[in-house]
PDB file of N, CA and C in Angstrom:
ATOM      1  N   GLN A   1       0.825  -1.203   0.000  1.00  0.00           N
ATOM      2  CA  GLN A   1       0.000   0.000   0.000  1.00  0.00           C
ATOM      3  C   GLN A   1       0.862   1.256   0.000  1.00  0.00           C
ATOM      4  N   LEU A   2       1.971   1.213   0.779  1.00  0.00           N
ATOM      5  CA  LEU A   2       2.962   2.276   0.744  1.00  0.00           C
ATOM      6  C   LEU A   2       4.271   1.653   0.301  1.00  0.00           C
ATOM      7  N   GLN A   3       4.826   2.170  -0.760  1.00  0.00           N
ATOM      8  CA  GLN A   3       6.056   1.622  -1.308  1.00  0.00           C
ATOM      9  C   GLN A   3       7.158   2.652  -1.189  1.00  0.00           C
ATOM     10  N   ALA A   4       8.144   2.354  -0.337  1.00  0.00           N
ATOM     11  CA  ALA A   4       9.284   3.244  -0.168  1.00  0.00           C
ATOM     12  C   ALA A   4      10.401   2.825  -1.119  1.00  0.00           C
ATOM     13  N   SER A   5      11.107   3.802  -1.639  1.00  0.00           N
ATOM     14  CA  SER A   5      12.217   3.518  -2.544  1.00  0.00           C
ATOM     15  C   SER A   5      13.214   4.653  -2.500  1.00  0.00           C
ATOM     16  N   GLY A   6      14.372   4.431  -3.085  1.00  0.00           N
ATOM     17  CA  GLY A   6      15.356   5.481  -3.223  1.00  0.00           C
ATOM     18  C   GLY A   6      16.574   5.349  -2.346  1.00  0.00           C
ATOM     19  N   GLY A   7      16.609   4.362  -1.479  1.00  0.00           N
ATOM     20  CA  GLY A   7      17.779   4.190  -0.633  1.00  0.00           C
ATOM     21  C   GLY A   7      18.985   3.749  -1.430  1.00  0.00           C
ATOM     22  N   GLY A   8      20.129   3.747  -0.766  1.00  0.00           N
ATOM     23  CA  GLY A   8      21.346   3.315  -1.423  1.00  0.00           C
ATOM     24  C   GLY A   8      22.571   3.673  -0.624  1.00  0.00           C
ATOM     25  N   LEU A   9      23.714   3.624  -1.298  1.00  0.00           N
ATOM     26  CA  LEU A   9      25.000   3.926  -0.685  1.00  0.00           C
ATOM     27  C   LEU A   9      25.492   5.260  -1.215  1.00  0.00           C
ATOM     28  N   VAL A  10      25.906   6.122  -0.319  1.00  0.00           N
ATOM     29  CA  VAL A  10      26.389   7.443  -0.711  1.00  0.00           C
ATOM     30  C   VAL A  10      27.536   7.842   0.211  1.00  0.00           C
ATOM     31  N   GLN A  11      28.435   8.657  -0.296  1.00  0.00           N
ATOM     32  CA  GLN A  11      29.522   9.149   0.533  1.00  0.00           C
ATOM     33  C   GLN A  11      29.051  10.287   1.422  1.00  0.00           C
ATOM     34  N   ALA A  12      29.734  10.470   2.519  1.00  0.00           N
ATOM     35  CA  ALA A  12      29.414  11.567   3.417  1.00  0.00           C
ATOM     36  C   ALA A  12      29.451  12.882   2.647  1.00  0.00           C
ATOM     37  N   GLY A  13      28.467  13.717   2.922  1.00  0.00           N
ATOM     38  CA  GLY A  13      28.347  14.979   2.212  1.00  0.00           C
ATOM     39  C   GLY A  13      27.462  14.912   0.987  1.00  0.00           C
ATOM     40  N   GLY A  14      27.099  13.713   0.591  1.00  0.00           N
ATOM     41  CA  GLY A  14      26.267  13.522  -0.582  1.00  0.00           C
ATOM     42  C   GLY A  14      24.792  13.648  -0.271  1.00  0.00           C
ATOM     43  N   SER A  15      23.986  13.355  -1.296  1.00  0.00           N
ATOM     44  CA  SER A  15      22.537  13.493  -1.187  1.00  0.00           C
ATOM     45  C   SER A  15      21.835  12.240  -1.697  1.00  0.00           C
ATOM     46  N   LEU A  16      20.668  12.008  -1.128  1.00  0.00           N
ATOM     47  CA  LEU A  16      19.776  10.950  -1.584  1.00  0.00           C
ATOM     48  C   LEU A  16      18.360  11.438  -1.448  1.00  0.00           C
ATOM     49  N   GLY A  17      17.495  10.937  -2.326  1.00  0.00           N
ATOM     50  CA  GLY A  17      16.080  11.253  -2.228  1.00  0.00           C
ATOM     51  C   GLY A  17      15.266   9.993  -2.076  1.00  0.00           C
ATOM     52  N   LEU A  18      14.407   9.959  -1.089  1.00  0.00           N
ATOM     53  CA  LEU A  18      13.531   8.816  -0.854  1.00  0.00           C
ATOM     54  C   LEU A  18      12.117   9.159  -1.314  1.00  0.00           C
ATOM     55  N   SER A  19      11.409   8.143  -1.789  1.00  0.00           N
ATOM     56  CA  SER A  19      10.024   8.306  -2.199  1.00  0.00           C
ATOM     57  C   SER A  19       9.158   7.311  -1.457  1.00  0.00           C
ATOM     58  N   CYS A  20       7.913   7.676  -1.253  1.00  0.00           N
ATOM     59  CA  CYS A  20       6.940   6.795  -0.611  1.00  0.00           C
ATOM     60  C   CYS A  20       5.636   6.943  -1.390  1.00  0.00           C
ATOM     61  N   ALA A  21       5.334   5.960  -2.197  1.00  0.00           N
ATOM     62  CA  ALA A  21       4.188   6.032  -3.086  1.00  0.00           C
ATOM     63  C   ALA A  21       3.030   5.193  -2.555  1.00  0.00           C
ATOM     64  N   ALA A  22       1.842   5.792  -2.576  1.00  0.00           N
ATOM     65  CA  ALA A  22       0.649   5.090  -2.122  1.00  0.00           C
ATOM     66  C   ALA A  22      -0.045   4.414  -3.296  1.00  0.00           C
ATOM     67  N   SER A  23      -0.645   3.296  -3.014  1.00  0.00           N
ATOM     68  CA  SER A  23      -1.359   2.573  -4.069  1.00  0.00           C
ATOM     69  C   SER A  23      -2.489   1.775  -3.445  1.00  0.00           C
ATOM     70  N   GLY A  24      -3.202   1.062  -4.272  1.00  0.00           N
ATOM     71  CA  GLY A  24      -4.272   0.205  -3.786  1.00  0.00           C
ATOM     72  C   GLY A  24      -5.454   1.009  -3.270  1.00  0.00           C
ATOM     73  N   SER A  25      -5.883   0.725  -2.064  1.00  0.00           N
ATOM     74  CA  SER A  25      -7.087   1.329  -1.508  1.00  0.00           C
ATOM     75  C   SER A  25      -6.853   2.721  -0.928  1.00  0.00           C
ATOM     76  N   ILE A  26      -5.610   3.179  -0.920  1.00  0.00           N
ATOM     77  CA  ILE A  26      -5.319   4.497  -0.365  1.00  0.00           C
ATOM     78  C   ILE A  26      -5.776   5.579  -1.331  1.00  0.00           C
ATOM     79  N   LEU A  27      -6.653   6.454  -0.839  1.00  0.00           N
ATOM     80  CA  LEU A  27      -7.181   7.526  -1.669  1.00  0.00           C
ATOM     81  C   LEU A  27      -6.337   8.787  -1.562  1.00  0.00           C
ATOM     82  N   ARG A  28      -5.901   9.084  -0.358  1.00  0.00           N
ATOM     83  CA  ARG A  28      -5.183  10.338  -0.153  1.00  0.00           C
ATOM     84  C   ARG A  28      -4.288  10.219   1.072  1.00  0.00           C
ATOM     85  N   LEU A  29      -3.114  10.838   0.953  1.00  0.00           N
ATOM     86  CA  LEU A  29      -2.212  10.935   2.088  1.00  0.00           C
ATOM     87  C   LEU A  29      -2.545  12.191   2.872  1.00  0.00           C
ATOM     88  N   HIS A  30      -2.598  12.084   4.177  1.00  0.00           N
ATOM     89  CA  HIS A  30      -2.861  13.261   5.006  1.00  0.00           C
ATOM     90  C   HIS A  30      -1.615  13.632   5.788  1.00  0.00           C
ATOM     91  N   ILE A  31      -1.285  12.890   6.799  1.00  0.00           N
ATOM     92  CA  ILE A  31      -0.058  13.117   7.561  1.00  0.00           C
ATOM     93  C   ILE A  31       0.993  12.139   7.037  1.00  0.00           C
ATOM     94  N   MET A  32       2.154  12.686   6.686  1.00  0.00           N
ATOM     95  CA  MET A  32       3.259  11.859   6.215  1.00  0.00           C
ATOM     96  C   MET A  32       4.401  11.934   7.203  1.00  0.00           C
ATOM     97  N   GLU A  33       5.010  10.800   7.471  1.00  0.00           N
ATOM     98  CA  GLU A  33       6.133  10.743   8.396  1.00  0.00           C
ATOM     99  C   GLU A  33       7.223   9.842   7.820  1.00  0.00           C
ATOM    100  N   TRP A  34       8.446  10.204   8.128  1.00  0.00           N
ATOM    101  CA  TRP A  34       9.587   9.355   7.839  1.00  0.00           C
ATOM    102  C   TRP A  34      10.268   9.007   9.162  1.00  0.00           C
ATOM    103  N   TYR A  35      10.566   7.735   9.334  1.00  0.00           N
ATOM    104  CA  TYR A  35      11.278   7.235  10.495  1.00  0.00           C
ATOM    105  C   TYR A  35      12.568   6.572  10.012  1.00  0.00           C
ATOM    106  N   ARG A  36      13.470   6.357  10.955  1.00  0.00           N
ATOM    107  CA  ARG A  36      14.649   5.573  10.634  1.00  0.00           C
ATOM    108  C   ARG A  36      15.026   4.724  11.846  1.00  0.00           C
ATOM    109  N   GLN A  37      15.704   3.628  11.553  1.00  0.00           N
ATOM    110  CA  GLN A  37      16.146   2.737  12.611  1.00  0.00           C
ATOM    111  C   GLN A  37      17.517   2.205  12.254  1.00  0.00           C
ATOM    112  N   ALA A  38      18.485   2.569  13.084  1.00  0.00           N
ATOM    113  CA  ALA A  38      19.847   2.069  12.932  1.00  0.00           C
ATOM    114  C   ALA A  38      20.002   0.807  13.773  1.00  0.00           C
ATOM    115  N   PRO A  39      20.943  -0.055  13.428  1.00  0.00           N
ATOM    116  CA  PRO A  39      21.136  -1.293  14.199  1.00  0.00           C
ATOM    117  C   PRO A  39      21.346  -1.006  15.672  1.00  0.00           C
ATOM    118  N   GLY A  40      20.593  -1.694  16.500  1.00  0.00           N
ATOM    119  CA  GLY A  40      20.726  -1.534  17.934  1.00  0.00           C
ATOM    120  C   GLY A  40      19.989  -0.339  18.506  1.00  0.00           C
ATOM    121  N   ASN A  41      19.366   0.453  17.644  1.00  0.00           N
ATOM    122  CA  ASN A  41      18.649   1.648  18.101  1.00  0.00           C
ATOM    123  C   ASN A  41      17.152   1.484  17.922  1.00  0.00           C
ATOM    124  N   GLN A  42      16.411   2.313  18.637  1.00  0.00           N
ATOM    125  CA  GLN A  42      14.969   2.342  18.447  1.00  0.00           C
ATOM    126  C   GLN A  42      14.631   3.125  17.177  1.00  0.00           C
ATOM    127  N   ARG A  43      13.483   2.844  16.640  1.00  0.00           N
ATOM    128  CA  ARG A  43      13.012   3.604  15.483  1.00  0.00           C
ATOM    129  C   ARG A  43      12.700   5.020  15.937  1.00  0.00           C
ATOM    130  N   GLU A  44      13.175   5.991  15.175  1.00  0.00           N
ATOM    131  CA  GLU A  44      12.984   7.385  15.559  1.00  0.00           C
ATOM    132  C   GLU A  44      12.322   8.164  14.426  1.00  0.00           C
ATOM    133  N   LEU A  45      11.528   9.145  14.836  1.00  0.00           N
ATOM    134  CA  LEU A  45      10.890  10.023  13.867  1.00  0.00           C
ATOM    135  C   LEU A  45      11.923  10.990  13.305  1.00  0.00           C
ATOM    136  N   VAL A  46      11.959  11.086  11.989  1.00  0.00           N
ATOM    137  CA  VAL A  46      12.897  11.985  11.318  1.00  0.00           C
ATOM    138  C   VAL A  46      12.187  13.249  10.846  1.00  0.00           C
ATOM    139  N   ALA A  47      11.018  13.078  10.244  1.00  0.00           N
ATOM    140  CA  ALA A  47      10.312  14.230   9.691  1.00  0.00           C
ATOM    141  C   ALA A  47       8.827  13.915   9.605  1.00  0.00           C
ATOM    142  N   ARG A  48       8.029  14.964   9.728  1.00  0.00           N
ATOM    143  CA  ARG A  48       6.577  14.847   9.623  1.00  0.00           C
ATOM    144  C   ARG A  48       6.048  16.024   8.823  1.00  0.00           C
ATOM    145  N   ARG A  49       5.065  15.755   7.993  1.00  0.00           N
ATOM    146  CA  ARG A  49       4.385  16.827   7.258  1.00  0.00           C
ATOM    147  C   ARG A  49       2.891  16.584   7.315  1.00  0.00           C
ATOM    148  N   THR A  50       2.155  17.583   7.739  1.00  0.00           N
ATOM    149  CA  THR A  50       0.705  17.463   7.817  1.00  0.00           C
ATOM    150  C   THR A  50       0.087  17.864   6.481  1.00  0.00           C
ATOM    151  N   SER A  51      -1.202  17.646   6.373  1.00  0.00           N
ATOM    152  CA  SER A  51      -1.902  17.998   5.135  1.00  0.00           C
ATOM    153  C   SER A  51      -1.954  19.503   4.932  1.00  0.00           C
ATOM    154  N   SER A  52      -1.780  20.270   6.002  1.00  0.00           N
ATOM    155  CA  SER A  52      -1.785  21.726   5.879  1.00  0.00           C
ATOM    156  C   SER A  52      -0.402  22.264   5.545  1.00  0.00           C
ATOM    157  N   GLY A  53       0.591  21.374   5.491  1.00  0.00           N
ATOM    158  CA  GLY A  53       1.928  21.801   5.111  1.00  0.00           C
ATOM    159  C   GLY A  53       2.868  22.051   6.265  1.00  0.00           C
ATOM    160  N   ASP A  54       2.389  21.901   7.487  1.00  0.00           N
ATOM    161  CA  ASP A  54       3.275  22.060   8.638  1.00  0.00           C
ATOM    162  C   ASP A  54       4.282  20.914   8.681  1.00  0.00           C
ATOM    163  N   THR A  55       5.511  21.265   9.006  1.00  0.00           N
ATOM    164  CA  THR A  55       6.568  20.247   9.048  1.00  0.00           C
ATOM    165  C   THR A  55       7.275  20.263  10.394  1.00  0.00           C
ATOM    166  N   VAL A  56       7.761  19.106  10.779  1.00  0.00           N
ATOM    167  CA  VAL A  56       8.552  18.933  11.984  1.00  0.00           C
ATOM    168  C   VAL A  56       9.730  18.048  11.624  1.00  0.00           C
ATOM    169  N   TYR A  57      10.906  18.408  12.123  1.00  0.00           N
ATOM    170  CA  TYR A  57      12.115  17.627  11.874  1.00  0.00           C
ATOM    171  C   TYR A  57      12.813  17.322  13.186  1.00  0.00           C
ATOM    172  N   SER A  58      13.483  16.193  13.235  1.00  0.00           N
ATOM    173  CA  SER A  58      14.318  15.913  14.394  1.00  0.00           C
ATOM    174  C   SER A  58      15.504  16.862  14.365  1.00  0.00           C
ATOM    175  N   GLU A  59      16.046  17.144  15.520  1.00  0.00           N
ATOM    176  CA  GLU A  59      17.166  18.081  15.608  1.00  0.00           C
ATOM    177  C   GLU A  59      18.361  17.591  14.790  1.00  0.00           C
ATOM    178  N   SER A  60      18.520  16.295  14.710  1.00  0.00           N
ATOM    179  CA  SER A  60      19.690  15.739  14.041  1.00  0.00           C
ATOM    180  C   SER A  60      19.661  15.934  12.525  1.00  0.00           C
ATOM    181  N   VAL A  61      18.490  16.202  11.955  1.00  0.00           N
ATOM    182  CA  VAL A  61      18.405  16.344  10.497  1.00  0.00           C
ATOM    183  C   VAL A  61      17.933  17.728  10.076  1.00  0.00           C
ATOM    184  N   LYS A  62      17.559  18.555  11.027  1.00  0.00           N
ATOM    185  CA  LYS A  62      17.026  19.878  10.706  1.00  0.00           C
ATOM    186  C   LYS A  62      18.037  20.660   9.876  1.00  0.00           C
ATOM    187  N   GLY A  63      17.550  21.237   8.792  1.00  0.00           N
ATOM    188  CA  GLY A  63      18.415  22.004   7.916  1.00  0.00           C
ATOM    189  C   GLY A  63      19.077  21.183   6.823  1.00  0.00           C
ATOM    190  N   ARG A  64      18.995  19.868   6.939  1.00  0.00           N
ATOM    191  CA  ARG A  64      19.608  18.990   5.924  1.00  0.00           C
ATOM    192  C   ARG A  64      18.571  18.171   5.170  1.00  0.00           C
ATOM    193  N   PHE A  65      17.489  17.808   5.837  1.00  0.00           N
ATOM    194  CA  PHE A  65      16.457  16.973   5.222  1.00  0.00           C
ATOM    195  C   PHE A  65      15.214  17.820   4.953  1.00  0.00           C
ATOM    196  N   THR A  66      14.504  17.455   3.892  1.00  0.00           N
ATOM    197  CA  THR A  66      13.264  18.145   3.550  1.00  0.00           C
ATOM    198  C   THR A  66      12.205  17.112   3.185  1.00  0.00           C
ATOM    199  N   ILE A  67      11.067  17.205   3.869  1.00  0.00           N
ATOM    200  CA  ILE A  67       9.939  16.330   3.554  1.00  0.00           C
ATOM    201  C   ILE A  67       8.970  17.093   2.667  1.00  0.00           C
ATOM    202  N   SER A  68       8.468  16.423   1.652  1.00  0.00           N
ATOM    203  CA  SER A  68       7.533  17.075   0.745  1.00  0.00           C
ATOM    204  C   SER A  68       6.548  16.034   0.227  1.00  0.00           C
ATOM    205  N   ARG A  69       5.591  16.510  -0.542  1.00  0.00           N
ATOM    206  CA  ARG A  69       4.581  15.591  -1.055  1.00  0.00           C
ATOM    207  C   ARG A  69       4.087  16.082  -2.400  1.00  0.00           C
ATOM    208  N   ASP A  70       3.598  15.146  -3.183  1.00  0.00           N
ATOM    209  CA  ASP A  70       2.956  15.459  -4.454  1.00  0.00           C
ATOM    210  C   ASP A  70       1.565  14.834  -4.384  1.00  0.00           C
ATOM    211  N   ASN A  71       0.572  15.664  -4.181  1.00  0.00           N
ATOM    212  CA  ASN A  71      -0.785  15.136  -3.996  1.00  0.00           C
ATOM    213  C   ASN A  71      -1.293  14.459  -5.260  1.00  0.00           C
ATOM    214  N   ALA A  72      -0.908  14.980  -6.397  1.00  0.00           N
ATOM    215  CA  ALA A  72      -1.374  14.396  -7.660  1.00  0.00           C
ATOM    216  C   ALA A  72      -0.852  12.968  -7.830  1.00  0.00           C
ATOM    217  N   LYS A  73       0.348  12.733  -7.324  1.00  0.00           N
ATOM    218  CA  LYS A  73       0.947  11.403  -7.441  1.00  0.00           C
ATOM    219  C   LYS A  73       0.737  10.563  -6.189  1.00  0.00           C
ATOM    220  N   ASN A  74       0.113  11.165  -5.175  1.00  0.00           N
ATOM    221  CA  ASN A  74      -0.076  10.463  -3.902  1.00  0.00           C
ATOM    222  C   ASN A  74       1.251   9.896  -3.395  1.00  0.00           C
ATOM    223  N   THR A  75       2.248  10.743  -3.429  1.00  0.00           N
ATOM    224  CA  THR A  75       3.602  10.327  -3.083  1.00  0.00           C
ATOM    225  C   THR A  75       4.242  11.354  -2.159  1.00  0.00           C
ATOM    226  N   ALA A  76       4.984  10.851  -1.195  1.00  0.00           N
ATOM    227  CA  ALA A  76       5.742  11.712  -0.300  1.00  0.00           C
ATOM    228  C   ALA A  76       7.225  11.492  -0.561  1.00  0.00           C
ATOM    229  N   TYR A  77       8.013  12.498  -0.211  1.00  0.00           N
ATOM    230  CA  TYR A  77       9.438  12.450  -0.487  1.00  0.00           C
ATOM    231  C   TYR A  77      10.228  12.877   0.746  1.00  0.00           C
ATOM    232  N   LEU A  78      11.452  12.419   0.812  1.00  0.00           N
ATOM    233  CA  LEU A  78      12.393  12.891   1.804  1.00  0.00           C
ATOM    234  C   LEU A  78      13.706  13.157   1.078  1.00  0.00           C
ATOM    235  N   GLN A  79      14.032  14.428   0.927  1.00  0.00           N
ATOM    236  CA  GLN A  79      15.299  14.810   0.309  1.00  0.00           C
ATOM    237  C   GLN A  79      16.332  14.954   1.415  1.00  0.00           C
ATOM    238  N   MET A  80      17.420  14.223   1.281  1.00  0.00           N
ATOM    239  CA  MET A  80      18.452  14.205   2.312  1.00  0.00           C
ATOM    240  C   MET A  80      19.743  14.753   1.726  1.00  0.00           C
ATOM    241  N   ASN A  81      20.197  15.862   2.272  1.00  0.00           N
ATOM    242  CA  ASN A  81      21.431  16.501   1.826  1.00  0.00           C
ATOM    243  C   ASN A  81      22.467  16.482   2.936  1.00  0.00           C
ATOM    244  N   SER A  82      23.695  16.725   2.570  1.00  0.00           N
ATOM    245  CA  SER A  82      24.801  16.778   3.535  1.00  0.00           C
ATOM    246  C   SER A  82      24.776  15.563   4.460  1.00  0.00           C
ATOM    247  N   LEU A  83      24.659  14.418   3.858  1.00  0.00           N
ATOM    248  CA  LEU A  83      24.513  13.197   4.640  1.00  0.00           C
ATOM    249  C   LEU A  83      25.765  12.893   5.450  1.00  0.00           C
ATOM    250  N   LYS A  84      25.533  12.310   6.622  1.00  0.00           N
ATOM    251  CA  LYS A  84      26.595  11.952   7.548  1.00  0.00           C
ATOM    252  C   LYS A  84      26.544  10.441   7.803  1.00  0.00           C
ATOM    253  N   PRO A  85      27.664   9.863   8.195  1.00  0.00           N
ATOM    254  CA  PRO A  85      27.651   8.424   8.500  1.00  0.00           C
ATOM    255  C   PRO A  85      26.590   8.042   9.524  1.00  0.00           C
ATOM    256  N   GLU A  86      26.312   8.946  10.459  1.00  0.00           N
ATOM    257  CA  GLU A  86      25.308   8.641  11.479  1.00  0.00           C
ATOM    258  C   GLU A  86      23.882   8.667  10.939  1.00  0.00           C
ATOM    259  N   ASP A  87      23.702   9.044   9.684  1.00  0.00           N
ATOM    260  CA  ASP A  87      22.390   8.951   9.050  1.00  0.00           C
ATOM    261  C   ASP A  87      22.121   7.544   8.519  1.00  0.00           C
ATOM    262  N   THR A  88      23.121   6.686   8.581  1.00  0.00           N
ATOM    263  CA  THR A  88      22.950   5.312   8.118  1.00  0.00           C
ATOM    264  C   THR A  88      21.884   4.604   8.930  1.00  0.00           C
ATOM    265  N   ALA A  89      20.893   4.064   8.239  1.00  0.00           N
ATOM    266  CA  ALA A  89      19.767   3.410   8.897  1.00  0.00           C
ATOM    267  C   ALA A  89      18.833   2.846   7.834  1.00  0.00           C
ATOM    268  N   VAL A  90      17.865   2.091   8.297  1.00  0.00           N
ATOM    269  CA  VAL A  90      16.737   1.725   7.437  1.00  0.00           C
ATOM    270  C   VAL A  90      15.674   2.800   7.632  1.00  0.00           C
ATOM    271  N   TYR A  91      15.211   3.360   6.539  1.00  0.00           N
ATOM    272  CA  TYR A  91      14.236   4.437   6.574  1.00  0.00           C
ATOM    273  C   TYR A  91      12.856   3.887   6.205  1.00  0.00           C
ATOM    274  N   TYR A  92      11.857   4.300   6.987  1.00  0.00           N
ATOM    275  CA  TYR A  92      10.485   3.859   6.793  1.00  0.00           C
ATOM    276  C   TYR A  92       9.568   5.064   6.614  1.00  0.00           C
ATOM    277  N   CYS A  93       8.598   4.941   5.736  1.00  0.00           N
ATOM    278  CA  CYS A  93       7.567   5.955   5.660  1.00  0.00           C
ATOM    279  C   CYS A  93       6.318   5.441   6.372  1.00  0.00           C
ATOM    280  N   LYS A  94       5.575   6.392   6.885  1.00  0.00           N
ATOM    281  CA  LYS A  94       4.329   6.106   7.588  1.00  0.00           C
ATOM    282  C   LYS A  94       3.351   7.201   7.222  1.00  0.00           C
ATOM    283  N   ALA A  95       2.106   6.836   6.991  1.00  0.00           N
ATOM    284  CA  ALA A  95       1.140   7.838   6.568  1.00  0.00           C
ATOM    285  C   ALA A  95      -0.220   7.595   7.192  1.00  0.00           C
ATOM    286  N   PHE A  96      -0.874   8.686   7.519  1.00  0.00           N
ATOM    287  CA  PHE A  96      -2.289   8.652   7.910  1.00  0.00           C
ATOM    288  C   PHE A  96      -3.074   8.942   6.643  1.00  0.00           C
ATOM    289  N   VAL A  97      -3.865   7.939   6.241  1.00  0.00           N
ATOM    290  CA  VAL A  97      -4.449   8.021   4.922  1.00  0.00           C
ATOM    291  C   VAL A  97      -5.955   7.849   4.999  1.00  0.00           C
ATOM    292  N   SER A  98      -6.589   8.251   3.937  1.00  0.00           N
ATOM    293  CA  SER A  98      -8.008   7.960   3.786  1.00  0.00           C
ATOM    294  C   SER A  98      -8.157   6.869   2.721  1.00  0.00           C
ATOM    295  N   THR A  99      -9.031   5.954   3.019  1.00  0.00           N
ATOM    296  CA  THR A  99      -9.348   4.880   2.087  1.00  0.00           C
ATOM    297  C   THR A  99     -10.858   4.882   1.864  1.00  0.00           C
ATOM    298  N   GLY A 100     -11.315   3.932   1.089  1.00  0.00           N
ATOM    299  CA  GLY A 100     -12.751   3.835   0.866  1.00  0.00           C
ATOM    300  C   GLY A 100     -13.522   3.457   2.116  1.00  0.00           C
ATOM    301  N   ARG A 101     -12.814   3.004   3.149  1.00  0.00           N
ATOM    302  CA  ARG A 101     -13.498   2.553   4.376  1.00  0.00           C
ATOM    303  C   ARG A 101     -13.247   3.478   5.552  1.00  0.00           C
ATOM    304  N   GLY A 102     -12.500   4.559   5.344  1.00  0.00           N
ATOM    305  CA  GLY A 102     -12.252   5.463   6.458  1.00  0.00           C
ATOM    306  C   GLY A 102     -10.813   5.939   6.461  1.00  0.00           C
ATOM    307  N   TRP A 103     -10.225   6.027   7.672  1.00  0.00           N
ATOM    308  CA  TRP A 103      -8.867   6.545   7.820  1.00  0.00           C
ATOM    309  C   TRP A 103      -8.044   5.538   8.620  1.00  0.00           C
ATOM    310  N   ASP A 104      -6.761   5.521   8.346  1.00  0.00           N
ATOM    311  CA  ASP A 104      -5.914   4.591   9.068  1.00  0.00           C
ATOM    312  C   ASP A 104      -4.461   4.970   8.849  1.00  0.00           C
ATOM    313  N   TRP A 105      -3.609   4.412   9.680  1.00  0.00           N
ATOM    314  CA  TRP A 105      -2.159   4.581   9.532  1.00  0.00           C
ATOM    315  C   TRP A 105      -1.612   3.383   8.759  1.00  0.00           C
ATOM    316  N   TYR A 106      -0.703   3.681   7.849  1.00  0.00           N
ATOM    317  CA  TYR A 106      -0.028   2.649   7.085  1.00  0.00           C
ATOM    318  C   TYR A 106       1.479   2.850   7.195  1.00  0.00           C
ATOM    319  N   TRP A 107       2.201   1.743   7.213  1.00  0.00           N
ATOM    320  CA  TRP A 107       3.658   1.757   7.153  1.00  0.00           C
ATOM    321  C   TRP A 107       4.106   1.248   5.785  1.00  0.00           C
ATOM    322  N   GLY A 108       5.150   1.853   5.286  1.00  0.00           N
ATOM    323  CA  GLY A 108       5.807   1.300   4.116  1.00  0.00           C
ATOM    324  C   GLY A 108       6.923   0.365   4.552  1.00  0.00           C
ATOM    325  N   GLN A 109       7.450  -0.407   3.609  1.00  0.00           N
ATOM    326  CA  GLN A 109       8.592  -1.253   3.945  1.00  0.00           C
ATOM    327  C   GLN A 109       9.827  -0.363   4.032  1.00  0.00           C
ATOM    328  N   GLY A 110      10.839  -0.802   4.677  1.00  0.00           N
ATOM    329  CA  GLY A 110      12.031   0.005   4.852  1.00  0.00           C
ATOM    330  C   GLY A 110      12.907   0.046   3.617  1.00  0.00           C
ATOM    331  N   THR A 111      13.697   1.094   3.538  1.00  0.00           N
ATOM    332  CA  THR A 111      14.705   1.204   2.484  1.00  0.00           C
ATOM    333  C   THR A 111      16.022   1.589   3.141  1.00  0.00           C
ATOM    334  N   GLN A 112      17.081   0.880   2.795  1.00  0.00           N
ATOM    335  CA  GLN A 112      18.375   1.060   3.454  1.00  0.00           C
ATOM    336  C   GLN A 112      19.111   2.269   2.899  1.00  0.00           C
ATOM    337  N   VAL A 113      19.585   3.095   3.817  1.00  0.00           N
ATOM    338  CA  VAL A 113      20.454   4.215   3.466  1.00  0.00           C
ATOM    339  C   VAL A 113      21.785   4.001   4.189  1.00  0.00           C
ATOM    340  N   THR A 114      22.858   3.955   3.431  1.00  0.00           N
ATOM    341  CA  THR A 114      24.188   3.769   3.990  1.00  0.00           C
ATOM    342  C   THR A 114      25.066   4.931   3.559  1.00  0.00           C
ATOM    343  N   VAL A 115      25.647   5.612   4.550  1.00  0.00           N
ATOM    344  CA  VAL A 115      26.522   6.749   4.282  1.00  0.00           C
ATOM    345  C   VAL A 115      27.935   6.372   4.700  1.00  0.00           C
ATOM    346  N   SER A 116      28.844   6.363   3.745  1.00  0.00           N
ATOM    347  CA  SER A 116      30.231   5.989   4.045  1.00  0.00           C
ATOM    348  C   SER A 116      31.050   7.232   4.370  1.00  0.00           C
ATOM    349  N   SER A 117      32.024   7.032   5.245  1.00  0.00           N
ATOM    350  CA  SER A 117      32.857   8.182   5.649  1.00  0.00           C
ATOM    351  C   SER A 117      34.053   8.356   4.729  1.00  0.00           C
TER     352      SER A 117
END
């Protein structure tokens, strides 16, 4: 229902863009969130964007990451710039969506981001 893509290997200081595309019964994305989980760590919220356009970022990524959305494509994005080795993690998208049966939260599968020093 939510398909995350765009992860990969990049050198420190580089950039990557992640996508999270909705499909199937999902009619519209409302609240979009990106999380990440590094080995041995808890999953943490990286960025959130509401349907009104309000955004929240974790302190560790503020100024480097940008969350955005394309309503026409029902897709959310996470642009990651000035990447650091500590950004290495599996990244997950999560969305509060409307479907034909109401509203619900959906998780996408993870996509690996590896930043080499």
